[in-house]
Protein backbone atom coordinates (compact mmCIF):
# COMPACT_ATOMS: atom_id res chain seq x y z
CA UNK A 1 0.01 -0.12 0.03
CA UNK A 2 1.35 3.45 -1.33
CA UNK A 3 1.20 6.70 0.80
CA UNK A 4 -0.33 9.82 -0.91
CA UNK A 5 2.82 12.49 0.03
CA UNK A 6 5.05 9.75 -1.57
CA UNK A 7 2.87 9.20 -4.70
CA UNK A 8 2.69 12.89 -4.59
CA UNK A 9 6.35 13.66 -5.40
CA UNK A 10 6.88 10.52 -7.36
CA UNK A 11 4.61 12.22 -9.78
CA UNK A 12 5.70 15.69 -9.04
CA UNK A 13 9.33 14.38 -10.16
CA UNK A 14 7.71 13.16 -13.45
CA UNK A 15 6.08 16.43 -14.22
CA UNK A 16 9.65 17.67 -14.00
CA UNK A 17 10.81 15.50 -16.14
CA UNK A 18 8.77 15.71 -18.53
CA UNK A 19 9.05 19.74 -18.74
CA UNK A 20 12.37 19.95 -18.93
CA UNK A 21 11.97 17.01 -21.75
CA UNK A 22 9.51 19.34 -23.76
CA UNK A 23 12.03 22.17 -22.81
CA UNK A 24 14.60 20.14 -24.98
CA UNK A 25 12.24 19.45 -27.34
CA UNK A 26 11.51 22.87 -27.73
CA UNK A 27 14.77 24.94 -27.86
CA UNK A 28 16.07 22.23 -30.83
CA UNK A 29 13.38 23.94 -32.65
CA UNK A 30 13.46 27.52 -31.92
CA UNK A 31 9.97 27.68 -30.23
CA UNK A 32 9.41 31.03 -29.51
CA UNK A 33 5.74 30.31 -27.82
CA UNK A 34 3.56 28.00 -26.72
CA UNK A 35 0.43 27.20 -26.74
CA UNK A 36 -0.66 25.18 -23.41
CA UNK A 37 -4.49 24.42 -21.70
CA UNK A 38 -4.86 26.64 -19.21
CA UNK A 39 -5.56 25.99 -15.53
CA UNK A 40 -3.62 22.38 -15.90
CA UNK A 41 -0.92 21.72 -13.21
CA UNK A 42 1.65 21.00 -15.38
CA UNK A 43 0.65 23.73 -18.73
CA UNK A 44 -1.39 27.03 -16.82
CA UNK A 45 -0.69 30.01 -16.31
CA UNK A 46 -1.94 32.50 -13.67
CA UNK A 47 -3.67 30.02 -12.21
CA UNK A 48 -3.55 26.55 -11.69
CA UNK A 49 -5.90 23.73 -10.22
CA UNK A 50 -4.50 23.16 -6.60
CA UNK A 51 -2.92 19.03 -7.84
CA UNK A 52 -5.09 18.17 -5.27
CA UNK A 53 -8.44 16.75 -6.97
CA UNK A 54 -10.74 19.18 -5.08
CA UNK A 55 -10.94 21.60 -7.73
CA UNK A 56 -9.52 24.59 -5.84
CA UNK A 57 -7.42 27.25 -7.86
CA UNK A 58 -4.14 28.68 -6.85
CA UNK A 59 -2.41 31.83 -7.55
CA UNK A 60 1.08 30.62 -10.17
CA UNK A 61 2.21 28.67 -13.02
CA UNK A 62 2.02 25.18 -13.62
CA UNK A 63 5.62 23.19 -14.22
CA UNK A 64 6.10 23.20 -17.90
CA UNK A 65 4.60 26.42 -17.85
CA UNK A 66 7.28 28.21 -15.53
CA UNK A 67 9.90 26.25 -16.94
CA UNK A 68 9.18 27.48 -20.55
CA UNK A 69 8.53 31.63 -19.08
CA UNK A 70 12.24 31.59 -17.47
CA UNK A 71 13.89 30.14 -20.42
CA UNK A 72 12.55 32.91 -22.53
CA UNK A 73 9.08 31.16 -24.19
CA UNK A 74 6.50 32.71 -24.86
CA UNK A 75 3.95 30.83 -22.44
CA UNK A 76 -0.11 31.43 -24.13
CA UNK A 77 -3.06 30.42 -22.14
CA UNK A 78 -5.54 28.35 -24.17
CA UNK A 79 -8.11 30.40 -23.69
CA UNK A 80 -6.69 33.09 -24.38
CA UNK A 81 -5.53 31.62 -27.83
CA UNK A 82 -7.61 32.91 -30.60
């Protein structure tokens, strides 16, 4: 039987690993902008779901969104894309 904190840690590590892989891919392709899913704990910008599956929104950026922003890639929310 697994405990929730350990599972949450493993999930976070996987999100971080995936975000790093996306960043490397984006760099290789010289990507300047990315359209990401609104409110996602990985992709959201501004407000994201807490990650506790409780439907609550918190201030902040998702793991991938934050990494892309820090590396000079403009992130656009799927809600703002027209």
